[in-house]
N, C-alpha and C. Protein backbone atom coordinates (compact mmCIF):
# COMPACT_ATOMS: atom_id res chain seq x y z
N UNK A 1 -5.45 -24.21 12.94
CA UNK A 1 -5.25 -22.51 12.72
C UNK A 1 -6.37 -22.04 13.20
N UNK A 2 -6.19 -20.74 14.15
CA UNK A 2 -7.03 -20.24 14.56
C UNK A 2 -8.01 -19.43 13.87
N UNK A 3 -9.26 -18.74 14.36
CA UNK A 3 -9.39 -17.70 13.41
C UNK A 3 -8.74 -16.13 13.45
N UNK A 4 -8.05 -16.21 14.64
CA UNK A 4 -7.22 -15.11 15.15
C UNK A 4 -6.05 -15.51 13.93
N UNK A 5 -5.20 -16.34 14.06
CA UNK A 5 -4.20 -16.85 13.04
C UNK A 5 -4.32 -16.49 12.16
N UNK A 6 -5.64 -16.93 11.33
CA UNK A 6 -5.80 -16.23 9.89
C UNK A 6 -6.00 -14.71 9.72
N UNK A 7 -6.89 -14.25 10.38
CA UNK A 7 -6.59 -12.48 10.79
C UNK A 7 -5.71 -12.12 10.58
N UNK A 8 -4.60 -12.21 11.49
CA UNK A 8 -3.27 -11.96 11.40
C UNK A 8 -2.36 -12.38 10.19
N UNK A 9 -2.78 -13.36 9.72
CA UNK A 9 -2.01 -13.80 8.22
C UNK A 9 -2.63 -12.83 7.47
N UNK A 10 -3.95 -12.48 7.58
CA UNK A 10 -4.83 -11.51 6.52
C UNK A 10 -4.06 -10.15 6.72
N UNK A 11 -4.28 -9.59 8.10
CA UNK A 11 -3.79 -8.54 8.39
C UNK A 11 -1.94 -7.85 7.75
N UNK A 12 -1.31 -8.84 7.89
CA UNK A 12 -0.12 -9.26 6.99
C UNK A 12 0.13 -8.74 5.91
N UNK A 13 -0.62 -9.44 5.34
CA UNK A 13 -0.63 -9.54 3.66
C UNK A 13 -1.66 -8.07 3.39
N UNK A 14 -2.53 -7.49 4.27
CA UNK A 14 -3.37 -6.18 3.73
C UNK A 14 -1.74 -5.10 4.30
N UNK A 15 -0.99 -5.52 5.19
CA UNK A 15 -0.07 -4.43 5.09
C UNK A 15 0.90 -4.42 4.08
N UNK A 16 1.46 -5.25 3.71
CA UNK A 16 2.19 -6.09 2.62
C UNK A 16 1.58 -5.06 0.91
N UNK A 17 0.08 -5.14 1.34
CA UNK A 17 -0.47 -4.71 0.17
C UNK A 17 -0.36 -3.29 0.26
N UNK A 18 -0.47 -2.51 1.42
CA UNK A 18 -0.53 -0.41 1.47
C UNK A 18 0.92 -0.23 1.07
N UNK A 19 2.06 -1.29 1.29
CA UNK A 19 3.44 -1.13 1.46
C UNK A 19 3.52 -0.95 -0.47
N UNK A 20 3.11 -1.74 -1.00
CA UNK A 20 3.14 -2.09 -2.25
C UNK A 20 2.06 -0.83 -2.94
N UNK A 21 0.94 -0.64 -2.74
CA UNK A 21 0.43 0.74 -2.96
C UNK A 21 1.37 2.02 -2.93
N UNK A 22 1.97 2.28 -1.92
CA UNK A 22 2.69 3.47 -1.67
C UNK A 22 3.72 3.46 -2.59
N UNK A 23 4.57 2.22 -2.76
CA UNK A 23 5.57 2.08 -3.70
C UNK A 23 4.93 2.94 -5.10
N UNK A 24 3.91 2.01 -5.46
CA UNK A 24 3.58 2.18 -6.80
C UNK A 24 2.92 3.58 -7.21
N UNK A 25 2.21 4.31 -6.09
CA UNK A 25 1.45 5.48 -6.09
C UNK A 25 3.05 6.55 -6.08
N UNK A 26 3.68 6.49 -5.48
CA UNK A 26 5.21 7.13 -5.21
C UNK A 26 5.62 7.14 -6.73
N UNK A 27 5.78 6.20 -7.17
CA UNK A 27 6.57 6.15 -8.73
C UNK A 27 5.83 7.00 -9.62
N UNK A 28 4.15 6.87 -9.86
CA UNK A 28 3.61 6.89 -11.00
C UNK A 28 3.31 8.83 -10.50
N UNK A 29 3.27 9.37 -9.53
CA UNK A 29 2.99 10.72 -9.57
C UNK A 29 4.11 11.57 -10.24
N UNK A 30 5.54 11.52 -10.34
CA UNK A 30 5.96 12.22 -11.20
C UNK A 30 5.57 12.51 -12.85
N UNK A 31 5.05 11.19 -13.09
CA UNK A 31 4.72 11.39 -14.51
C UNK A 31 2.85 11.99 -14.71
N UNK A 32 2.48 12.05 -13.83
CA UNK A 32 1.09 12.66 -14.10
C UNK A 32 0.99 14.58 -14.05
N UNK A 33 2.17 14.90 -14.36
CA UNK A 33 1.95 16.26 -14.59
C UNK A 33 0.68 16.89 -15.45
N UNK A 34 0.70 15.96 -16.69
CA UNK A 34 0.21 16.64 -17.73
C UNK A 34 -1.77 16.12 -17.32
N UNK A 35 -1.74 15.81 -15.94
CA UNK A 35 -3.20 15.23 -15.67
C UNK A 35 -3.07 15.85 -14.37
N UNK A 36 -3.38 17.11 -14.32
CA UNK A 36 -3.68 17.83 -12.62
C UNK A 36 -4.36 17.06 -11.63
N UNK A 37 -5.83 16.85 -12.48
CA UNK A 37 -6.53 16.65 -11.33
C UNK A 37 -6.40 15.34 -10.90
N UNK A 38 -6.10 14.00 -11.60
CA UNK A 38 -5.62 13.01 -11.65
C UNK A 38 -4.36 13.23 -10.54
N UNK A 39 -3.28 13.56 -10.82
CA UNK A 39 -2.14 13.93 -9.69
C UNK A 39 -2.57 14.59 -8.52
N UNK A 40 -3.59 15.32 -8.39
CA UNK A 40 -3.54 15.52 -7.12
C UNK A 40 -4.52 14.58 -6.32
N UNK A 41 -5.29 13.98 -6.93
CA UNK A 41 -6.14 12.76 -5.97
C UNK A 41 -4.83 11.87 -5.37
N UNK A 42 -4.10 11.58 -6.37
CA UNK A 42 -3.29 10.35 -6.05
C UNK A 42 -2.27 10.87 -5.25
N UNK A 43 -2.06 11.94 -4.86
CA UNK A 43 -1.56 12.55 -3.77
C UNK A 43 -1.92 12.51 -2.80
N UNK A 44 -3.46 12.83 -2.83
CA UNK A 44 -4.05 12.39 -1.26
C UNK A 44 -4.18 10.83 -1.31
N UNK A 45 -4.35 10.43 -1.79
CA UNK A 45 -4.34 8.90 -2.03
C UNK A 45 -3.13 8.00 -1.41
N UNK A 46 -2.48 8.78 -1.75
CA UNK A 46 -1.00 8.07 -1.16
C UNK A 46 -1.07 8.47 0.41
N UNK A 47 -1.09 9.74 0.65
CA UNK A 47 -0.96 10.11 2.19
C UNK A 47 -1.86 9.10 2.86
N UNK A 48 -3.20 8.79 2.16
CA UNK A 48 -4.16 8.26 2.95
C UNK A 48 -3.73 6.51 3.10
N UNK A 49 -3.11 6.13 1.93
CA UNK A 49 -2.48 4.90 1.91
C UNK A 49 -1.36 4.77 2.88
N UNK A 50 -0.62 5.64 3.36
CA UNK A 50 0.44 5.52 4.32
C UNK A 50 -0.68 5.39 5.77
N UNK A 51 -1.06 6.45 5.79
CA UNK A 51 -1.98 6.42 6.98
C UNK A 51 -2.56 5.16 7.46
N UNK A 52 -3.41 4.42 6.30
CA UNK A 52 -3.86 3.00 6.45
C UNK A 52 -2.89 1.67 6.76
N UNK A 53 -1.79 2.20 6.02
CA UNK A 53 -0.49 1.10 6.35
C UNK A 53 -0.09 1.08 8.05
N UNK A 54 -0.28 2.50 8.37
CA UNK A 54 0.33 2.74 9.94
C UNK A 54 -0.98 1.90 10.66
N UNK A 55 -2.27 2.07 10.53
CA UNK A 55 -3.35 1.91 11.15
C UNK A 55 -3.18 0.26 11.10
N UNK A 56 -2.71 -0.54 10.22
CA UNK A 56 -2.99 -1.85 9.82
C UNK A 56 -1.73 -2.50 10.77
N UNK A 57 -0.44 -1.86 10.89
CA UNK A 57 0.51 -2.15 11.65
C UNK A 57 0.32 -2.31 13.05
N UNK A 58 -0.76 -1.33 13.31
CA UNK A 58 -0.77 -1.13 14.89
C UNK A 58 -1.70 -1.96 15.40
N UNK A 59 -2.67 -2.45 14.35
CA UNK A 59 -3.57 -3.78 14.87
C UNK A 59 -2.42 -4.75 15.02
N UNK A 60 -1.47 -4.89 14.18
CA UNK A 60 -0.54 -6.26 13.89
C UNK A 60 0.40 -6.25 15.47
N UNK A 61 0.73 -5.15 15.93
CA UNK A 61 1.27 -4.47 17.45
C UNK A 61 0.49 -5.08 18.38
N UNK A 62 -0.99 -4.91 18.37
CA UNK A 62 -1.71 -5.22 19.35
C UNK A 62 -1.94 -6.52 19.62
N UNK A 63 -1.54 -7.36 18.46
CA UNK A 63 -1.64 -8.79 18.36
C UNK A 63 -0.33 -9.41 18.90
N UNK A 64 0.73 -8.86 18.38
CA UNK A 64 1.91 -9.30 18.29
C UNK A 64 2.95 -8.48 18.50
N UNK A 65 3.66 -8.32 19.72
CA UNK A 65 4.98 -7.59 20.14
C UNK A 65 5.90 -7.48 19.35
N UNK A 66 5.81 -8.87 18.64
CA UNK A 66 7.28 -9.05 18.12
C UNK A 66 7.27 -9.00 16.75
N UNK A 67 5.77 -8.50 15.89
CA UNK A 67 5.53 -8.30 14.72
C UNK A 67 6.89 -7.70 13.91
N UNK A 68 7.18 -7.95 13.01
CA UNK A 68 8.40 -6.47 12.29
C UNK A 68 7.96 -6.66 10.85
N UNK A 69 8.89 -5.97 10.23
CA UNK A 69 8.34 -5.45 8.72
C UNK A 69 8.97 -6.98 7.89
N UNK A 70 10.17 -7.17 8.75
CA UNK A 70 10.52 -8.70 8.19
C UNK A 70 9.50 -9.20 7.98
N UNK A 71 9.02 -9.74 8.84
CA UNK A 71 7.49 -10.83 8.85
C UNK A 71 6.81 -10.20 7.74
N UNK A 72 6.47 -9.34 7.98
CA UNK A 72 5.18 -8.49 6.90
C UNK A 72 5.78 -8.67 5.76
N UNK A 73 7.19 -8.49 5.08
CA UNK A 73 8.13 -9.15 4.04
C UNK A 73 7.46 -10.20 2.78
N UNK A 74 6.95 -11.12 4.12
CA UNK A 74 7.06 -12.05 3.23
C UNK A 74 5.36 -12.44 2.99
N UNK A 75 4.59 -11.41 2.80
CA UNK A 75 2.90 -11.28 2.55
C UNK A 75 3.19 -12.12 1.36
N UNK A 76 1.92 -12.55 0.86
CA UNK A 76 1.28 -12.64 -0.61
C UNK A 76 1.11 -11.62 -1.25
N UNK A 77 1.70 -11.06 -2.45
CA UNK A 77 1.18 -9.95 -3.06
C UNK A 77 1.19 -10.22 -4.27
N UNK A 78 1.08 -11.31 -4.96
CA UNK A 78 1.28 -11.77 -6.24
C UNK A 78 -0.34 -11.21 -7.15
N UNK A 79 -1.05 -11.28 -6.42
CA UNK A 79 -2.41 -10.90 -6.85
C UNK A 79 -2.41 -9.32 -7.50
N UNK A 80 -1.84 -8.84 -6.71
CA UNK A 80 -1.75 -7.30 -6.94
C UNK A 80 -0.69 -6.47 -7.61
N UNK A 81 0.43 -7.52 -8.17
CA UNK A 81 1.59 -6.83 -8.57
C UNK A 81 1.63 -6.40 -10.11
N UNK A 82 0.13 -7.13 -11.15
CA UNK A 82 0.41 -7.01 -12.31
C UNK A 82 -0.55 -5.50 -12.20
N UNK A 83 -1.34 -4.94 -11.61
CA UNK A 83 -1.76 -3.91 -11.71
C UNK A 83 -0.96 -2.79 -11.29
N UNK A 84 -0.38 -2.88 -10.63
CA UNK A 84 0.71 -2.38 -9.66
C UNK A 84 1.79 -1.91 -10.87
N UNK A 85 2.22 -2.74 -11.37
CA UNK A 85 3.37 -3.12 -12.28
C UNK A 85 2.91 -2.51 -14.05
N UNK A 86 1.83 -2.38 -13.85
CA UNK A 86 1.18 -1.63 -15.16
C UNK A 86 1.43 -0.36 -14.89
N UNK A 87 0.95 0.01 -13.73
CA UNK A 87 0.83 1.53 -13.44
C UNK A 87 2.59 2.38 -13.19
N UNK A 88 3.06 1.44 -12.93
CA UNK A 88 4.36 1.94 -12.84
C UNK A 88 5.06 2.23 -14.47
N UNK A 89 4.62 1.30 -15.37
CA UNK A 89 5.61 1.19 -16.85
C UNK A 89 4.99 2.32 -17.18
N UNK A 90 3.45 2.43 -17.20
CA UNK A 90 2.73 3.32 -18.07
C UNK A 90 2.62 5.24 -17.88
N UNK A 91 2.61 5.18 -19.09
CA UNK A 91 2.67 7.08 -18.31
C UNK A 91 1.26 7.63 -19.08
N UNK A 92 0.80 6.97 -19.67
CA UNK A 92 -0.44 7.56 -20.23
C UNK A 92 -1.50 7.74 -18.90
N UNK A 93 -2.39 8.78 -18.91
CA UNK A 93 -3.21 8.62 -18.07
C UNK A 93 -4.38 8.05 -18.04
N UNK A 94 -4.94 7.49 -18.89
CA UNK A 94 -6.15 6.48 -19.05
C UNK A 94 -5.25 5.39 -18.62
N UNK A 95 -3.83 4.79 -18.93
CA UNK A 95 -4.01 3.32 -18.30
C UNK A 95 -3.79 3.63 -16.71
N UNK A 96 -2.71 4.53 -16.35
CA UNK A 96 -2.99 4.72 -15.04
C UNK A 96 -3.78 4.64 -14.25
N UNK A 97 -5.01 5.27 -14.58
CA UNK A 97 -6.62 5.45 -14.24
C UNK A 97 -6.77 3.90 -14.14
N UNK A 98 -7.02 3.10 -15.33
CA UNK A 98 -7.43 2.23 -15.24
C UNK A 98 -6.41 1.11 -14.40
N UNK A 99 -5.21 1.01 -14.37
CA UNK A 99 -4.88 0.29 -13.47
C UNK A 99 -4.95 0.55 -11.92
N UNK A 100 -5.00 1.62 -11.83
CA UNK A 100 -5.46 2.36 -10.55
C UNK A 100 -6.90 1.68 -9.81
N UNK A 101 -7.57 1.83 -10.97
CA UNK A 101 -8.77 1.37 -10.94
C UNK A 101 -9.01 -0.30 -10.17
N UNK A 102 -8.38 -0.89 -11.18
CA UNK A 102 -8.45 -2.47 -10.59
C UNK A 102 -7.23 -2.55 -9.32
N UNK A 103 -6.55 -2.00 -9.16
CA UNK A 103 -5.93 -1.66 -7.79
C UNK A 103 -6.61 -1.39 -6.90
N UNK A 104 -7.55 -0.65 -7.08
CA UNK A 104 -7.98 -0.31 -5.78
C UNK A 104 -9.77 -1.13 -5.64
N UNK A 105 -9.92 -1.95 -6.37
CA UNK A 105 -11.08 -2.79 -6.60
C UNK A 105 -10.65 -4.30 -5.77
N UNK A 106 -9.12 -4.24 -6.35
CA UNK A 106 -8.40 -5.36 -5.38
C UNK A 106 -8.45 -5.03 -3.67
N UNK A 107 -7.97 -3.81 -3.59
CA UNK A 107 -8.12 -3.53 -2.10
C UNK A 107 -9.75 -3.63 -1.43
N UNK A 108 -10.65 -3.22 -2.09
CA UNK A 108 -11.92 -3.28 -1.54
C UNK A 108 -12.14 -4.70 -1.05
N UNK A 109 -11.74 -5.50 -2.35
CA UNK A 109 -12.15 -6.79 -1.53
C UNK A 109 -11.40 -7.45 -0.53
N UNK A 110 -10.40 -7.27 -0.71
CA UNK A 110 -9.27 -7.55 0.48
C UNK A 110 -9.45 -6.71 1.93
N UNK A 111 -9.79 -5.68 1.80
CA UNK A 111 -10.80 -5.19 3.16
C UNK A 111 -11.91 -5.67 3.43
N UNK A 112 -12.65 -6.17 2.53
CA UNK A 112 -13.71 -6.79 2.98
C UNK A 112 -13.77 -7.80 3.10
N UNK A 113 -13.11 -9.15 2.98
CA UNK A 113 -12.34 -9.81 3.47
C UNK A 113 -12.05 -9.85 4.95
N UNK A 114 -11.17 -8.94 4.99
CA UNK A 114 -10.18 -8.75 6.06
C UNK A 114 -11.41 -8.39 7.28
N UNK A 115 -12.34 -7.18 7.03
CA UNK A 115 -13.45 -7.03 8.02
C UNK A 115 -14.29 -7.87 8.23
N UNK A 116 -14.58 -9.43 7.41
CA UNK A 116 -15.16 -10.72 8.16
C UNK A 116 -14.11 -11.49 9.19
N UNK A 117 -12.65 -11.35 8.71
CA UNK A 117 -12.01 -11.92 9.50
C UNK A 117 -12.08 -11.33 10.94
N UNK A 118 -11.76 -9.74 11.00
CA UNK A 118 -11.89 -8.94 12.12
C UNK A 118 -13.29 -9.47 13.12
N UNK A 119 -14.48 -9.61 12.59
CA UNK A 119 -15.45 -9.80 13.24
C UNK A 119 -15.45 -11.19 13.75
N UNK A 120 -14.91 -12.12 12.95
CA UNK A 120 -14.50 -13.38 13.54
C UNK A 120 -13.70 -13.54 14.48
N UNK A 121 -12.90 -12.73 14.67
CA UNK A 121 -11.80 -12.66 15.85
C UNK A 121 -11.78 -11.76 17.09
N UNK A 122 -12.91 -11.49 17.08
CA UNK A 122 -14.01 -10.33 18.19
C UNK A 122 -13.19 -9.04 18.07
N UNK A 123 -12.19 -8.71 17.28
CA UNK A 123 -11.67 -7.25 17.10
C UNK A 123 -12.23 -6.34 16.79
N UNK A 124 -13.48 -5.78 17.76
CA UNK A 124 -14.18 -4.40 17.34
C UNK A 124 -12.96 -3.17 16.85
N UNK A 125 -12.05 -3.01 17.70
CA UNK A 125 -11.03 -1.84 17.31
C UNK A 125 -10.67 -2.11 15.85
N UNK A 126 -10.36 -2.99 15.84
CA UNK A 126 -9.54 -3.28 14.34
C UNK A 126 -10.80 -3.48 13.26
N UNK A 127 -11.97 -3.86 13.68
CA UNK A 127 -13.13 -3.48 12.46
C UNK A 127 -13.32 -2.07 12.24
N UNK A 128 -13.10 -1.29 13.12
CA UNK A 128 -13.58 0.24 13.23
C UNK A 128 -12.44 0.56 12.04
N UNK A 129 -11.24 0.44 12.17
CA UNK A 129 -10.35 0.65 11.01
C UNK A 129 -10.56 0.22 9.64
N UNK A 130 -10.73 -1.01 9.85
CA UNK A 130 -10.89 -1.72 8.33
C UNK A 130 -12.13 -0.94 7.80
N UNK A 131 -13.09 -0.66 8.72
CA UNK A 131 -14.35 -0.52 7.80
C UNK A 131 -13.99 1.24 7.39
N UNK A 132 -13.06 2.08 7.88
CA UNK A 132 -13.13 3.01 7.53
C UNK A 132 -12.22 2.84 6.23
N UNK A 133 -10.96 2.14 6.24
CA UNK A 133 -10.40 1.98 5.21
C UNK A 133 -10.98 1.51 4.08
N UNK A 134 -11.71 0.25 4.17
CA UNK A 134 -12.66 -0.14 3.12
C UNK A 134 -13.41 1.12 2.40
N UNK A 135 -14.16 1.60 3.15
CA UNK A 135 -14.73 3.16 2.60
C UNK A 135 -14.05 3.91 1.63
N UNK A 136 -12.85 3.86 2.37
CA UNK A 136 -11.91 4.75 1.50
C UNK A 136 -11.72 4.48 -0.09
N UNK A 137 -11.18 2.84 0.11
CA UNK A 137 -11.17 2.65 -1.32
C UNK A 137 -11.97 2.69 -1.86
N UNK A 138 -13.74 2.44 -1.22
CA UNK A 138 -14.71 2.49 -2.29
C UNK A 138 -15.01 3.64 -3.00
N UNK A 139 -14.38 4.78 -2.03
CA UNK A 139 -14.30 6.23 -2.47
C UNK A 139 -13.54 6.27 -3.86
N UNK A 140 -12.51 6.16 -3.59
CA UNK A 140 -11.28 5.94 -4.76
C UNK A 140 -11.97 5.11 -5.94
N UNK A 141 -12.75 4.05 -5.50
CA UNK A 141 -12.89 3.33 -6.76
C UNK A 141 -14.24 4.54 -7.65
N UNK A 142 -14.80 4.70 -6.82
CA UNK A 142 -16.28 5.54 -7.59
C UNK A 142 -15.30 6.89 -8.06
N UNK A 143 -14.24 7.20 -7.49
CA UNK A 143 -13.54 8.71 -8.23
C UNK A 143 -13.44 8.18 -9.44
N UNK A 144 -12.38 7.15 -9.55
CA UNK A 144 -11.44 6.64 -10.53
C UNK A 144 -12.31 6.32 -11.69
N UNK A 145 -13.41 5.79 -11.42
CA UNK A 145 -14.56 5.22 -12.35
C UNK A 145 -15.15 6.54 -12.96
N UNK A 146 -15.52 7.32 -12.37
CA UNK A 146 -16.29 8.62 -12.79
C UNK A 146 -14.63 9.17 -14.14
N UNK A 147 -13.63 9.11 -13.70
CA UNK A 147 -12.75 9.71 -14.33
C UNK A 147 -12.34 8.80 -15.74
N UNK A 148 -12.70 7.68 -15.80
CA UNK A 148 -12.04 6.72 -17.05
C UNK A 148 -12.72 7.69 -18.31
N UNK A 149 -13.92 7.95 -18.76
CA UNK A 149 -14.43 8.32 -19.69
C UNK A 149 -13.60 9.81 -20.38
N UNK A 150 -13.10 10.80 -19.40
CA UNK A 150 -12.15 11.90 -19.31
C UNK A 150 -11.26 11.54 -19.83
N UNK A 151 -10.58 10.55 -18.84
CA UNK A 151 -9.02 10.43 -19.32
C UNK A 151 -9.09 9.37 -20.64
N UNK A 152 -9.97 8.49 -20.94
CA UNK A 152 -9.94 7.85 -22.17
C UNK A 152 -10.25 9.19 -23.21
N UNK A 153 -10.84 10.25 -23.46
CA UNK A 153 -10.66 11.60 -24.34
C UNK A 153 -10.04 11.82 -24.36
N UNK A 154 -9.18 12.33 -23.32
CA UNK A 154 -7.88 12.77 -23.33
C UNK A 154 -6.66 12.36 -23.90
N UNK A 155 -6.71 10.82 -23.82
CA UNK A 155 -5.64 10.01 -24.49
C UNK A 155 -5.96 10.07 -26.09
N UNK A 156 -7.43 9.89 -26.05
CA UNK A 156 -7.65 9.75 -27.94
C UNK A 156 -7.60 10.90 -28.33
N UNK A 157 -7.64 11.67 -27.83
CA UNK A 157 -7.02 13.47 -28.52
C UNK A 157 -5.79 13.47 -28.50
N UNK A 158 -5.15 13.44 -27.70
CA UNK A 158 -3.48 13.40 -27.72
C UNK A 158 -3.24 12.55 -28.83
N UNK A 159 -3.17 11.13 -29.17
CA UNK A 159 -3.05 10.48 -29.73
C UNK A 159 -3.56 10.83 -31.38
N UNK A 160 -4.32 11.25 -31.43
CA UNK A 160 -4.99 11.33 -32.52
C UNK A 160 -4.33 12.63 -33.22
N UNK A 161 -3.94 13.81 -32.52
CA UNK A 161 -3.35 14.98 -32.61
C UNK A 161 -1.74 14.60 -33.26
N UNK A 162 -1.25 13.34 -32.32
CA UNK A 162 0.25 12.72 -32.78
C UNK A 162 -0.16 12.79 -34.19
N UNK A 163 -1.02 12.00 -34.37
CA UNK A 163 -1.58 11.19 -35.91
C UNK A 163 -1.33 12.31 -37.16
N UNK A 164 -2.04 13.32 -36.90
CA UNK A 164 -2.70 14.64 -37.73
C UNK A 164 -1.24 15.26 -38.25
N UNK A 165 -0.19 15.61 -36.73
CA UNK A 165 0.63 16.13 -37.29
C UNK A 165 1.77 15.31 -37.83
N UNK A 166 1.76 14.18 -37.72
CA UNK A 166 2.59 12.97 -38.56
C UNK A 166 2.57 13.06 -40.14
């Protein structure tokens, strides 16, 4: 296996990760109306996810003109699946925020290793794209982390209000 082939495998995985992120965030958005700050940020994040997906796809196409979504569909995404699945199942703002934070941390780790692979494959153009995606994911993680206390407080107040009413 060459450095380039490892890099391309990891790029395919990153593309699959972004497709998975798009599906997860698109599915959760309609349930976030009660949390307008989170909803707004997730809409922005969904658009950025789509852009990152397209940028990773363009890197892949530069290396392999025959690359297709079918090949990408074979990407290994089991490590991400649980956080995204939790996000899809739960409507509570705090749980969506926690699951999203975990998912974004996974993306930070993925782009960090992909950046090292791009460097070893001597892909300067790819490195720029990956660095930008990595920074975007770090920013989202920081934002989500700042939201966790408020999301927890909102959820606790909501749950205890239900308890008082009962």
